[in-house]
Amino acid sequence: VKAEVQSAHLRKKMELLEAPPSEAPPPGLDVVGVFLILASICFNCLGALLVEKFLKGNQSRLHVQKSQLLLGEVVINAGLILAMPFFQPTAELRHAHAPWRRGFFAGWDGRTLLCVVVWIPAGWTTTMLVKRCSNLLKTIAQSTSSVLTYVFTILPLSCGPRFWSYLVTLLGPPLDPEPVSGSVVLLAVAVMLSALSFGTDRNTRLEGGPGGA
């Protein structure tokens, strides 16, 4: 009987492999996705301009301004965490997403703590860059860091120094390298060239100003 069952399963697998693939309908334009992308771009631009105006127009110290910005962010995020379970359609999902049942720190581990430790100085340095320079320089710096992040993801871990491999594997198994994409490489080169062009143009304008030689 066992042999007959295995033979039936084998025949069924062969039939599935020999069956012609069903033609899936061509993917259409996701209107909601496009709207969310455009809304994200608009809100990011508006928020960047408002933050720069707040940092440069207010004469308070940097740590006071940063604390005010973070206080509003913490209040909104805490409200979202507490309100999101009520938007779930079923009681099981509401129970699974409720922080008062599963705990606020559910899912946290050493990698989360490392991200928190790294993001604190990153946020402060970004705010200092916007206050002392401009939001455009901050955007170029973040774009350059994204390019370097992509370069690090396409290189295998063995290409780096030994201590880097130790730090990465200390928090878990390393991730597989990302496949090289021609379009992403061209975009990375364009970002790097725009950063160099902006810096060169800025130095030229400063040298040709009233205080230049």
N, C-alpha and C. Protein backbone atom coordinates (compact mmCIF):
# COMPACT_ATOMS: atom_id res chain seq x y z
N VAL A 1 0.83 -1.20 0.00
CA VAL A 1 0.00 0.00 0.00
C VAL A 1 0.87 1.26 0.00
N LYS A 2 1.94 1.20 0.77
CA LYS A 2 2.83 2.35 0.84
C LYS A 2 3.47 2.64 -0.51
N ALA A 3 3.85 1.57 -1.21
CA ALA A 3 4.45 1.75 -2.53
C ALA A 3 3.44 2.33 -3.52
N GLU A 4 2.16 1.90 -3.43
CA GLU A 4 1.15 2.46 -4.33
C GLU A 4 0.92 3.94 -4.05
N VAL A 5 0.92 4.34 -2.78
CA VAL A 5 0.72 5.75 -2.44
C VAL A 5 1.88 6.60 -2.96
N GLN A 6 3.11 6.08 -2.80
CA GLN A 6 4.26 6.81 -3.31
C GLN A 6 4.22 6.92 -4.83
N SER A 7 3.79 5.85 -5.49
CA SER A 7 3.68 5.88 -6.95
C SER A 7 2.63 6.89 -7.40
N ALA A 8 1.50 6.98 -6.67
CA ALA A 8 0.47 7.94 -7.02
C ALA A 8 0.97 9.38 -6.85
N HIS A 9 1.70 9.62 -5.77
CA HIS A 9 2.27 10.95 -5.56
C HIS A 9 3.26 11.30 -6.66
N LEU A 10 4.05 10.31 -7.07
CA LEU A 10 5.03 10.55 -8.12
C LEU A 10 4.34 10.87 -9.45
N ARG A 11 3.27 10.15 -9.78
CA ARG A 11 2.55 10.43 -11.01
C ARG A 11 1.92 11.82 -10.98
N LYS A 12 1.42 12.21 -9.81
CA LYS A 12 0.81 13.54 -9.71
C LYS A 12 1.83 14.64 -9.88
N LYS A 13 3.04 14.44 -9.33
CA LYS A 13 4.09 15.42 -9.51
C LYS A 13 4.51 15.52 -10.96
N MET A 14 4.59 14.37 -11.64
CA MET A 14 4.96 14.39 -13.05
C MET A 14 3.91 15.10 -13.89
N GLU A 15 2.64 14.91 -13.57
CA GLU A 15 1.57 15.60 -14.29
C GLU A 15 1.65 17.11 -14.09
N LEU A 16 1.98 17.51 -12.86
CA LEU A 16 2.10 18.95 -12.60
C LEU A 16 3.29 19.56 -13.34
N LEU A 17 4.39 18.79 -13.43
CA LEU A 17 5.56 19.30 -14.14
C LEU A 17 5.33 19.37 -15.64
N GLU A 18 4.58 18.40 -16.18
CA GLU A 18 4.35 18.38 -17.62
C GLU A 18 3.23 19.31 -18.05
N ALA A 19 2.42 19.80 -17.12
CA ALA A 19 1.31 20.69 -17.48
C ALA A 19 1.85 22.03 -17.94
N PRO A 20 1.25 22.63 -18.98
CA PRO A 20 1.72 23.93 -19.47
C PRO A 20 1.48 25.01 -18.42
N PRO A 21 2.42 25.92 -18.28
CA PRO A 21 2.24 26.99 -17.27
C PRO A 21 1.08 27.90 -17.63
N SER A 22 0.31 28.22 -16.65
CA SER A 22 -0.84 29.10 -16.86
C SER A 22 -0.36 30.54 -17.06
N GLU A 23 -0.94 31.20 -18.02
CA GLU A 23 -0.56 32.57 -18.31
C GLU A 23 -1.21 33.52 -17.31
N ALA A 24 -0.35 34.16 -16.55
CA ALA A 24 -0.86 35.11 -15.56
C ALA A 24 -1.17 36.42 -16.26
N PRO A 25 -2.19 37.12 -15.81
CA PRO A 25 -2.51 38.41 -16.42
C PRO A 25 -1.39 39.41 -16.18
N PRO A 26 -1.12 40.29 -17.14
CA PRO A 26 -0.04 41.26 -16.96
C PRO A 26 -0.34 42.18 -15.78
N PRO A 27 0.68 42.45 -14.99
CA PRO A 27 0.44 43.32 -13.83
C PRO A 27 0.07 44.72 -14.26
N GLY A 28 -0.95 45.25 -13.63
CA GLY A 28 -1.40 46.59 -13.94
C GLY A 28 -0.75 47.62 -13.01
N LEU A 29 -1.11 48.85 -13.22
CA LEU A 29 -0.58 49.94 -12.42
C LEU A 29 -1.26 49.97 -11.06
N ASP A 30 -0.46 49.88 -10.01
CA ASP A 30 -0.98 49.93 -8.65
C ASP A 30 -1.18 51.39 -8.26
N VAL A 31 -2.42 51.84 -8.33
CA VAL A 31 -2.71 53.26 -8.08
C VAL A 31 -2.40 53.61 -6.63
N VAL A 32 -2.74 52.71 -5.71
CA VAL A 32 -2.49 52.99 -4.30
C VAL A 32 -1.00 53.10 -4.03
N GLY A 33 -0.21 52.20 -4.64
CA GLY A 33 1.24 52.26 -4.44
C GLY A 33 1.84 53.54 -4.99
N VAL A 34 1.40 53.94 -6.18
CA VAL A 34 1.90 55.19 -6.76
C VAL A 34 1.51 56.39 -5.89
N PHE A 35 0.28 56.38 -5.39
CA PHE A 35 -0.16 57.48 -4.52
C PHE A 35 0.68 57.53 -3.23
N LEU A 36 0.96 56.37 -2.65
CA LEU A 36 1.77 56.35 -1.44
C LEU A 36 3.19 56.83 -1.70
N ILE A 37 3.76 56.47 -2.86
CA ILE A 37 5.10 56.93 -3.19
C ILE A 37 5.13 58.45 -3.35
N LEU A 38 4.16 59.00 -4.08
CA LEU A 38 4.11 60.44 -4.27
C LEU A 38 3.85 61.17 -2.94
N ALA A 39 2.98 60.59 -2.12
CA ALA A 39 2.72 61.21 -0.82
C ALA A 39 3.96 61.18 0.07
N SER A 40 4.71 60.08 0.02
CA SER A 40 5.94 59.99 0.80
C SER A 40 6.96 61.02 0.35
N ILE A 41 7.09 61.21 -0.98
CA ILE A 41 8.02 62.22 -1.49
C ILE A 41 7.61 63.62 -1.04
N CYS A 42 6.32 63.92 -1.15
CA CYS A 42 5.84 65.26 -0.77
C CYS A 42 6.04 65.52 0.72
N PHE A 43 5.69 64.54 1.56
CA PHE A 43 5.83 64.75 3.00
C PHE A 43 7.30 64.83 3.41
N ASN A 44 8.16 64.06 2.74
CA ASN A 44 9.58 64.15 3.06
C ASN A 44 10.15 65.51 2.71
N CYS A 45 9.80 66.02 1.53
CA CYS A 45 10.28 67.35 1.13
C CYS A 45 9.75 68.43 2.06
N LEU A 46 8.44 68.38 2.35
CA LEU A 46 7.85 69.38 3.23
C LEU A 46 8.44 69.31 4.63
N GLY A 47 8.59 68.09 5.16
CA GLY A 47 9.18 67.95 6.49
C GLY A 47 10.61 68.43 6.56
N ALA A 48 11.40 68.16 5.49
CA ALA A 48 12.79 68.61 5.49
C ALA A 48 12.88 70.13 5.49
N LEU A 49 12.03 70.78 4.69
CA LEU A 49 12.04 72.24 4.66
C LEU A 49 11.60 72.84 5.99
N LEU A 50 10.56 72.27 6.59
CA LEU A 50 10.08 72.80 7.87
C LEU A 50 11.10 72.60 8.99
N VAL A 51 11.76 71.44 8.99
CA VAL A 51 12.77 71.18 10.02
C VAL A 51 13.94 72.14 9.89
N GLU A 52 14.38 72.37 8.64
CA GLU A 52 15.49 73.32 8.44
C GLU A 52 15.11 74.73 8.87
N LYS A 53 13.88 75.13 8.55
CA LYS A 53 13.42 76.46 8.97
C LYS A 53 13.33 76.55 10.49
N PHE A 54 12.90 75.47 11.13
CA PHE A 54 12.80 75.46 12.60
C PHE A 54 14.18 75.52 13.24
N LEU A 55 15.14 74.76 12.69
CA LEU A 55 16.47 74.72 13.30
C LEU A 55 17.22 76.04 13.12
N LYS A 56 17.06 76.68 11.96
CA LYS A 56 17.80 77.91 11.69
C LYS A 56 17.06 79.16 12.15
N GLY A 57 15.74 79.10 12.22
CA GLY A 57 14.99 80.27 12.64
C GLY A 57 14.85 80.41 14.14
N ASN A 58 14.99 79.32 14.86
CA ASN A 58 14.89 79.35 16.32
C ASN A 58 16.29 79.53 16.90
N GLN A 59 16.42 80.43 17.86
CA GLN A 59 17.72 80.74 18.45
C GLN A 59 18.05 79.85 19.65
N SER A 60 17.28 78.82 19.89
CA SER A 60 17.56 77.92 21.02
C SER A 60 18.78 77.07 20.71
N ARG A 61 19.31 76.43 21.74
CA ARG A 61 20.46 75.55 21.56
C ARG A 61 20.03 74.29 20.81
N LEU A 62 21.04 73.63 20.23
CA LEU A 62 20.74 72.48 19.39
C LEU A 62 20.10 71.34 20.18
N HIS A 63 20.58 71.08 21.39
CA HIS A 63 20.03 69.97 22.16
C HIS A 63 18.57 70.24 22.56
N VAL A 64 18.20 71.53 22.75
CA VAL A 64 16.82 71.86 23.07
C VAL A 64 15.92 71.62 21.86
N GLN A 65 16.38 72.05 20.68
CA GLN A 65 15.60 71.84 19.46
C GLN A 65 15.46 70.36 19.13
N LYS A 66 16.56 69.62 19.31
CA LYS A 66 16.50 68.18 19.04
C LYS A 66 15.55 67.48 20.00
N SER A 67 15.55 67.88 21.25
CA SER A 67 14.64 67.27 22.23
C SER A 67 13.19 67.58 21.88
N GLN A 68 12.92 68.80 21.40
CA GLN A 68 11.55 69.14 21.02
C GLN A 68 11.09 68.30 19.82
N LEU A 69 11.97 68.11 18.84
CA LEU A 69 11.60 67.28 17.69
C LEU A 69 11.37 65.84 18.09
N LEU A 70 12.24 65.31 18.94
CA LEU A 70 12.11 63.91 19.36
C LEU A 70 10.88 63.70 20.24
N LEU A 71 10.52 64.71 21.04
CA LEU A 71 9.34 64.57 21.89
C LEU A 71 8.08 64.38 21.06
N GLY A 72 7.93 65.18 20.02
CA GLY A 72 6.78 65.00 19.14
C GLY A 72 6.79 63.67 18.43
N GLU A 73 7.99 63.22 18.01
CA GLU A 73 8.09 61.92 17.33
C GLU A 73 7.73 60.77 18.26
N VAL A 74 8.18 60.84 19.51
CA VAL A 74 7.89 59.78 20.47
C VAL A 74 6.40 59.72 20.77
N VAL A 75 5.75 60.88 20.92
CA VAL A 75 4.32 60.91 21.22
C VAL A 75 3.51 60.32 20.07
N ILE A 76 3.84 60.68 18.84
CA ILE A 76 3.10 60.15 17.69
C ILE A 76 3.32 58.66 17.53
N ASN A 77 4.56 58.19 17.66
CA ASN A 77 4.84 56.76 17.51
C ASN A 77 4.17 55.95 18.61
N ALA A 78 4.17 56.46 19.83
CA ALA A 78 3.50 55.75 20.92
C ALA A 78 2.00 55.67 20.67
N GLY A 79 1.42 56.76 20.16
CA GLY A 79 0.00 56.72 19.83
C GLY A 79 -0.32 55.72 18.73
N LEU A 80 0.55 55.62 17.72
CA LEU A 80 0.33 54.65 16.65
C LEU A 80 0.43 53.22 17.16
N ILE A 81 1.39 52.96 18.04
CA ILE A 81 1.53 51.61 18.59
C ILE A 81 0.30 51.21 19.37
N LEU A 82 -0.26 52.14 20.14
CA LEU A 82 -1.43 51.81 20.94
C LEU A 82 -2.71 51.75 20.11
N ALA A 83 -2.76 52.47 18.99
CA ALA A 83 -4.00 52.53 18.20
C ALA A 83 -4.07 51.49 17.10
N MET A 84 -2.94 51.00 16.62
CA MET A 84 -2.95 50.07 15.49
C MET A 84 -3.72 48.78 15.76
N PRO A 85 -3.68 48.18 16.97
CA PRO A 85 -4.48 46.96 17.18
C PRO A 85 -5.96 47.13 16.95
N PHE A 86 -6.49 48.32 17.16
CA PHE A 86 -7.93 48.54 17.00
C PHE A 86 -8.35 48.61 15.53
N PHE A 87 -7.39 48.71 14.61
CA PHE A 87 -7.71 48.74 13.18
C PHE A 87 -7.64 47.35 12.56
N GLN A 88 -7.32 46.32 13.33
CA GLN A 88 -7.26 44.96 12.81
C GLN A 88 -8.67 44.39 12.68
N PRO A 89 -8.94 43.59 11.63
CA PRO A 89 -10.32 43.14 11.38
C PRO A 89 -10.82 42.08 12.34
N THR A 90 -9.94 41.24 12.88
CA THR A 90 -10.39 40.13 13.73
C THR A 90 -9.81 40.28 15.13
N ALA A 91 -10.43 39.55 16.05
CA ALA A 91 -9.96 39.60 17.44
C ALA A 91 -8.60 38.95 17.59
N GLU A 92 -8.33 37.90 16.79
CA GLU A 92 -7.03 37.24 16.87
C GLU A 92 -5.91 38.19 16.47
N LEU A 93 -6.12 38.95 15.39
CA LEU A 93 -5.10 39.90 14.96
C LEU A 93 -4.95 41.05 15.95
N ARG A 94 -6.06 41.48 16.53
CA ARG A 94 -5.96 42.52 17.55
C ARG A 94 -5.18 42.03 18.75
N HIS A 95 -5.40 40.77 19.12
CA HIS A 95 -4.66 40.20 20.24
C HIS A 95 -3.18 40.05 19.91
N ALA A 96 -2.87 39.70 18.66
CA ALA A 96 -1.47 39.49 18.27
C ALA A 96 -0.70 40.79 18.18
N HIS A 97 -1.38 41.90 17.82
CA HIS A 97 -0.70 43.18 17.65
C HIS A 97 -0.81 44.08 18.88
N ALA A 98 -1.49 43.64 19.93
CA ALA A 98 -1.66 44.49 21.11
C ALA A 98 -0.37 44.50 21.92
N PRO A 99 0.26 45.65 22.13
CA PRO A 99 1.51 45.68 22.91
C PRO A 99 1.29 45.38 24.38
N TRP A 100 0.06 45.63 24.91
CA TRP A 100 -0.17 45.33 26.31
C TRP A 100 -0.35 43.84 26.57
N ARG A 101 -0.43 43.02 25.52
CA ARG A 101 -0.53 41.57 25.69
C ARG A 101 0.77 40.86 25.33
N ARG A 102 1.37 41.23 24.21
CA ARG A 102 2.61 40.57 23.79
C ARG A 102 3.85 41.23 24.33
N GLY A 103 3.70 42.42 24.95
CA GLY A 103 4.84 43.13 25.51
C GLY A 103 5.38 44.16 24.53
N PHE A 104 5.84 45.27 25.06
CA PHE A 104 6.33 46.34 24.21
C PHE A 104 7.65 45.97 23.53
N PHE A 105 8.48 45.19 24.18
CA PHE A 105 9.79 44.83 23.63
C PHE A 105 9.77 43.45 22.99
N ALA A 106 8.62 42.99 22.54
CA ALA A 106 8.53 41.69 21.87
C ALA A 106 9.28 41.74 20.54
N GLY A 107 10.15 40.77 20.32
CA GLY A 107 10.93 40.73 19.09
C GLY A 107 12.27 41.44 19.15
N TRP A 108 12.55 42.09 20.25
CA TRP A 108 13.82 42.79 20.37
C TRP A 108 14.93 41.78 20.66
N ASP A 109 16.12 42.04 20.12
CA ASP A 109 17.29 41.22 20.40
C ASP A 109 18.52 42.11 20.32
N GLY A 110 19.68 41.48 20.23
CA GLY A 110 20.92 42.25 20.18
C GLY A 110 21.04 43.12 18.95
N ARG A 111 20.48 42.68 17.83
CA ARG A 111 20.54 43.48 16.61
C ARG A 111 19.73 44.76 16.74
N THR A 112 18.58 44.66 17.42
CA THR A 112 17.77 45.86 17.64
C THR A 112 18.51 46.86 18.52
N LEU A 113 19.15 46.35 19.57
CA LEU A 113 19.92 47.24 20.46
C LEU A 113 21.07 47.89 19.71
N LEU A 114 21.72 47.15 18.83
CA LEU A 114 22.81 47.72 18.04
C LEU A 114 22.30 48.82 17.11
N CYS A 115 21.16 48.59 16.49
CA CYS A 115 20.57 49.62 15.62
C CYS A 115 20.23 50.88 16.41
N VAL A 116 19.71 50.71 17.62
CA VAL A 116 19.38 51.87 18.45
C VAL A 116 20.64 52.65 18.80
N VAL A 117 21.71 51.93 19.17
CA VAL A 117 22.96 52.59 19.53
C VAL A 117 23.56 53.34 18.35
N VAL A 118 23.43 52.77 17.15
CA VAL A 118 24.00 53.41 15.97
C VAL A 118 23.15 54.59 15.51
N TRP A 119 21.82 54.46 15.61
CA TRP A 119 20.94 55.50 15.09
C TRP A 119 20.92 56.75 15.96
N ILE A 120 21.26 56.65 17.23
CA ILE A 120 21.27 57.84 18.09
C ILE A 120 22.32 58.85 17.62
N PRO A 121 23.60 58.47 17.47
CA PRO A 121 24.56 59.47 16.94
C PRO A 121 24.27 59.85 15.49
N ALA A 122 23.69 58.92 14.70
CA ALA A 122 23.35 59.27 13.32
C ALA A 122 22.30 60.37 13.27
N GLY A 123 21.28 60.28 14.14
CA GLY A 123 20.26 61.32 14.17
C GLY A 123 20.80 62.66 14.64
N TRP A 124 21.69 62.63 15.64
CA TRP A 124 22.25 63.89 16.14
C TRP A 124 23.17 64.54 15.11
N THR A 125 24.01 63.75 14.45
CA THR A 125 24.89 64.33 13.43
C THR A 125 24.09 64.86 12.24
N THR A 126 22.99 64.20 11.89
CA THR A 126 22.15 64.70 10.80
C THR A 126 21.52 66.04 11.17
N THR A 127 21.05 66.16 12.41
CA THR A 127 20.47 67.43 12.85
C THR A 127 21.52 68.53 12.88
N MET A 128 22.72 68.22 13.33
CA MET A 128 23.80 69.21 13.33
C MET A 128 24.15 69.65 11.92
N LEU A 129 24.13 68.71 10.97
CA LEU A 129 24.44 69.05 9.58
C LEU A 129 23.39 69.98 8.99
N VAL A 130 22.12 69.73 9.29
CA VAL A 130 21.05 70.59 8.78
C VAL A 130 21.13 71.98 9.39
N LYS A 131 21.44 72.06 10.69
CA LYS A 131 21.47 73.36 11.36
C LYS A 131 22.67 74.20 10.91
N ARG A 132 23.81 73.57 10.72
CA ARG A 132 25.02 74.32 10.37
C ARG A 132 25.16 74.52 8.88
N CYS A 133 24.67 73.60 8.06
CA CYS A 133 24.83 73.71 6.61
C CYS A 133 23.46 73.88 5.95
N SER A 134 22.94 72.82 5.38
CA SER A 134 21.63 72.89 4.72
C SER A 134 21.07 71.49 4.61
N ASN A 135 19.78 71.43 4.32
CA ASN A 135 19.14 70.13 4.14
C ASN A 135 19.60 69.46 2.85
N LEU A 136 20.02 70.27 1.86
CA LEU A 136 20.53 69.69 0.62
C LEU A 136 21.81 68.90 0.85
N LEU A 137 22.71 69.46 1.66
CA LEU A 137 23.93 68.72 2.00
C LEU A 137 23.61 67.45 2.77
N LYS A 138 22.62 67.53 3.65
CA LYS A 138 22.21 66.33 4.39
C LYS A 138 21.69 65.26 3.45
N THR A 139 20.90 65.64 2.45
CA THR A 139 20.36 64.68 1.50
C THR A 139 21.47 64.04 0.67
N ILE A 140 22.45 64.85 0.26
CA ILE A 140 23.57 64.30 -0.51
C ILE A 140 24.38 63.34 0.35
N ALA A 141 24.60 63.69 1.62
CA ALA A 141 25.34 62.80 2.51
C ALA A 141 24.61 61.47 2.71
N GLN A 142 23.29 61.54 2.89
CA GLN A 142 22.52 60.31 3.05
C GLN A 142 22.50 59.48 1.77
N SER A 143 22.47 60.14 0.61
CA SER A 143 22.51 59.41 -0.66
C SER A 143 23.86 58.71 -0.82
N THR A 144 24.93 59.39 -0.43
CA THR A 144 26.25 58.77 -0.51
C THR A 144 26.35 57.57 0.42
N SER A 145 25.80 57.69 1.62
CA SER A 145 25.82 56.55 2.54
C SER A 145 24.99 55.39 1.99
N SER A 146 23.90 55.68 1.29
CA SER A 146 23.11 54.62 0.67
C SER A 146 23.91 53.91 -0.42
N VAL A 147 24.69 54.69 -1.18
CA VAL A 147 25.54 54.08 -2.21
C VAL A 147 26.58 53.16 -1.57
N LEU A 148 27.21 53.61 -0.50
CA LEU A 148 28.19 52.77 0.18
C LEU A 148 27.54 51.53 0.78
N THR A 149 26.32 51.68 1.28
CA THR A 149 25.61 50.51 1.81
C THR A 149 25.36 49.48 0.73
N TYR A 150 24.99 49.94 -0.47
CA TYR A 150 24.78 49.00 -1.58
C TYR A 150 26.09 48.32 -1.97
N VAL A 151 27.18 49.08 -1.95
CA VAL A 151 28.49 48.47 -2.27
C VAL A 151 28.84 47.39 -1.26
N PHE A 152 28.56 47.66 0.01
CA PHE A 152 28.86 46.66 1.04
C PHE A 152 27.99 45.41 0.91
N THR A 153 26.74 45.59 0.42
CA THR A 153 25.84 44.44 0.32
C THR A 153 26.17 43.53 -0.85
N ILE A 154 26.80 44.06 -1.91
CA ILE A 154 27.11 43.20 -3.05
C ILE A 154 28.45 42.49 -2.89
N LEU A 155 29.25 42.93 -1.91
CA LEU A 155 30.54 42.26 -1.67
C LEU A 155 30.35 41.17 -0.63
N PRO A 156 30.96 40.01 -0.83
CA PRO A 156 30.87 38.96 0.19
C PRO A 156 31.60 39.37 1.46
N LEU A 157 31.22 38.74 2.55
CA LEU A 157 31.79 39.09 3.84
C LEU A 157 33.28 38.77 3.92
N SER A 158 33.74 37.80 3.14
CA SER A 158 35.14 37.41 3.18
C SER A 158 36.07 38.48 2.61
N CYS A 159 35.51 39.45 1.86
CA CYS A 159 36.36 40.51 1.29
C CYS A 159 36.74 41.56 2.33
N GLY A 160 36.05 41.62 3.44
CA GLY A 160 36.33 42.61 4.45
C GLY A 160 37.39 42.16 5.43
N PRO A 161 37.76 43.04 6.35
CA PRO A 161 38.74 42.66 7.37
C PRO A 161 38.19 41.62 8.33
N ARG A 162 39.08 40.99 9.07
CA ARG A 162 38.68 39.90 9.94
C ARG A 162 37.79 40.37 11.08
N PHE A 163 38.10 41.55 11.64
CA PHE A 163 37.28 42.03 12.76
C PHE A 163 35.87 42.37 12.30
N TRP A 164 35.71 42.80 11.02
CA TRP A 164 34.38 43.09 10.50
C TRP A 164 33.55 41.82 10.41
N SER A 165 34.18 40.73 9.96
CA SER A 165 33.47 39.45 9.90
C SER A 165 33.07 38.98 11.29
N TYR A 166 33.92 39.24 12.27
CA TYR A 166 33.61 38.83 13.64
C TYR A 166 32.42 39.62 14.19
N LEU A 167 32.39 40.93 13.93
CA LEU A 167 31.29 41.75 14.43
C LEU A 167 29.97 41.37 13.78
N VAL A 168 30.00 41.07 12.47
CA VAL A 168 28.76 40.72 11.78
C VAL A 168 28.23 39.39 12.25
N THR A 169 29.08 38.38 12.34
CA THR A 169 28.63 37.05 12.75
C THR A 169 28.33 36.97 14.25
N LEU A 170 28.74 37.98 15.01
CA LEU A 170 28.44 37.98 16.44
C LEU A 170 26.94 38.11 16.70
N LEU A 171 26.21 38.77 15.79
CA LEU A 171 24.78 39.00 15.96
C LEU A 171 23.93 38.03 15.15
N GLY A 172 24.54 37.04 14.52
CA GLY A 172 23.78 36.08 13.74
C GLY A 172 24.49 35.72 12.45
N PRO A 173 23.92 34.79 11.69
CA PRO A 173 24.55 34.41 10.43
C PRO A 173 24.54 35.56 9.44
N PRO A 174 25.58 35.72 8.64
CA PRO A 174 25.61 36.83 7.66
C PRO A 174 24.62 36.61 6.54
N LEU A 175 24.18 37.69 5.95
CA LEU A 175 23.25 37.64 4.83
C LEU A 175 24.00 37.35 3.53
N ASP A 176 23.28 36.79 2.57
CA ASP A 176 23.87 36.54 1.26
C ASP A 176 24.07 37.85 0.52
N PRO A 177 25.15 37.97 -0.28
CA PRO A 177 25.36 39.20 -1.05
C PRO A 177 24.23 39.45 -2.03
N GLU A 178 23.90 40.71 -2.22
CA GLU A 178 22.85 41.08 -3.15
C GLU A 178 23.34 40.94 -4.60
N PRO A 179 22.47 40.59 -5.54
CA PRO A 179 22.89 40.52 -6.94
C PRO A 179 23.20 41.91 -7.49
N VAL A 180 24.18 41.98 -8.36
CA VAL A 180 24.59 43.25 -8.95
C VAL A 180 23.55 43.68 -9.98
N SER A 181 23.06 44.90 -9.85
CA SER A 181 22.05 45.45 -10.76
C SER A 181 22.67 46.62 -11.53
N GLY A 182 22.56 46.57 -12.85
CA GLY A 182 23.13 47.64 -13.66
C GLY A 182 22.48 48.98 -13.43
N SER A 183 21.16 48.99 -13.29
CA SER A 183 20.46 50.26 -13.06
C SER A 183 20.83 50.87 -11.71
N VAL A 184 20.99 50.02 -10.69
CA VAL A 184 21.37 50.54 -9.37
C VAL A 184 22.79 51.09 -9.41
N VAL A 185 23.69 50.42 -10.15
CA VAL A 185 25.06 50.91 -10.26
C VAL A 185 25.09 52.27 -10.95
N LEU A 186 24.31 52.44 -12.03
CA LEU A 186 24.25 53.73 -12.71
C LEU A 186 23.68 54.81 -11.80
N LEU A 187 22.66 54.44 -11.02
CA LEU A 187 22.09 55.41 -10.08
C LEU A 187 23.10 55.79 -9.00
N ALA A 188 23.88 54.82 -8.53
CA ALA A 188 24.90 55.12 -7.53
C ALA A 188 25.97 56.06 -8.09
N VAL A 189 26.39 55.83 -9.34
CA VAL A 189 27.37 56.72 -9.96
C VAL A 189 26.80 58.13 -10.13
N ALA A 190 25.51 58.22 -10.50
CA ALA A 190 24.88 59.54 -10.65
C ALA A 190 24.83 60.27 -9.32
N VAL A 191 24.55 59.54 -8.23
CA VAL A 191 24.49 60.18 -6.91
C VAL A 191 25.87 60.69 -6.51
N MET A 192 26.90 59.88 -6.74
CA MET A 192 28.25 60.30 -6.40
C MET A 192 28.68 61.51 -7.22
N LEU A 193 28.35 61.52 -8.51
CA LEU A 193 28.70 62.67 -9.36
C LEU A 193 27.95 63.93 -8.94
N SER A 194 26.69 63.78 -8.54
CA SER A 194 25.94 64.96 -8.09
C SER A 194 26.53 65.52 -6.81
N ALA A 195 26.98 64.64 -5.90
CA ALA A 195 27.61 65.12 -4.67
C ALA A 195 28.91 65.87 -4.97
N LEU A 196 29.74 65.32 -5.87
CA LEU A 196 30.99 65.99 -6.23
C LEU A 196 30.72 67.31 -6.95
N SER A 197 29.73 67.32 -7.83
CA SER A 197 29.41 68.55 -8.56
C SER A 197 28.90 69.63 -7.62
N PHE A 198 28.07 69.26 -6.67
CA PHE A 198 27.55 70.24 -5.71
C PHE A 198 28.67 70.81 -4.86
N GLY A 199 29.58 69.95 -4.39
CA GLY A 199 30.70 70.44 -3.58
C GLY A 199 31.63 71.33 -4.37
N THR A 200 31.92 70.98 -5.62
CA THR A 200 32.79 71.82 -6.45
C THR A 200 32.16 73.17 -6.74
N ASP A 201 30.85 73.18 -7.04
CA ASP A 201 30.16 74.43 -7.32
C ASP A 201 30.09 75.31 -6.08
N ARG A 202 29.92 74.72 -4.93
CA ARG A 202 29.85 75.49 -3.68
C ARG A 202 31.20 76.14 -3.39
N ASN A 203 32.29 75.39 -3.57
CA ASN A 203 33.62 75.96 -3.33
C ASN A 203 33.91 77.09 -4.32
N THR A 204 33.47 76.92 -5.58
CA THR A 204 33.70 77.97 -6.58
C THR A 204 32.96 79.24 -6.21
N ARG A 205 31.71 79.12 -5.75
CA ARG A 205 30.94 80.31 -5.37
C ARG A 205 31.52 80.98 -4.14
N LEU A 206 32.04 80.17 -3.18
CA LEU A 206 32.64 80.77 -1.99
C LEU A 206 33.93 81.50 -2.31
N GLU A 207 34.73 80.95 -3.22
CA GLU A 207 35.97 81.61 -3.61
C GLU A 207 35.72 82.87 -4.43
N GLY A 208 34.63 82.91 -5.18
CA GLY A 208 34.34 84.09 -5.99
C GLY A 208 33.52 85.14 -5.28
N GLY A 209 33.21 84.91 -3.99
CA GLY A 209 32.40 85.87 -3.24
C GLY A 209 33.22 87.06 -2.78
N PRO A 210 32.59 87.89 -1.93
CA PRO A 210 33.29 89.09 -1.46
C PRO A 210 34.54 88.77 -0.66
N GLY A 211 34.51 87.65 0.07
CA GLY A 211 35.68 87.32 0.87
C GLY A 211 36.69 86.46 0.16
N GLY A 212 36.44 86.11 -1.13
CA GLY A 212 37.35 85.24 -1.86
C GLY A 212 38.57 85.99 -2.32
N ALA A 213 39.53 85.23 -2.84
CA ALA A 213 40.78 85.84 -3.28
C ALA A 213 40.54 86.57 -4.60
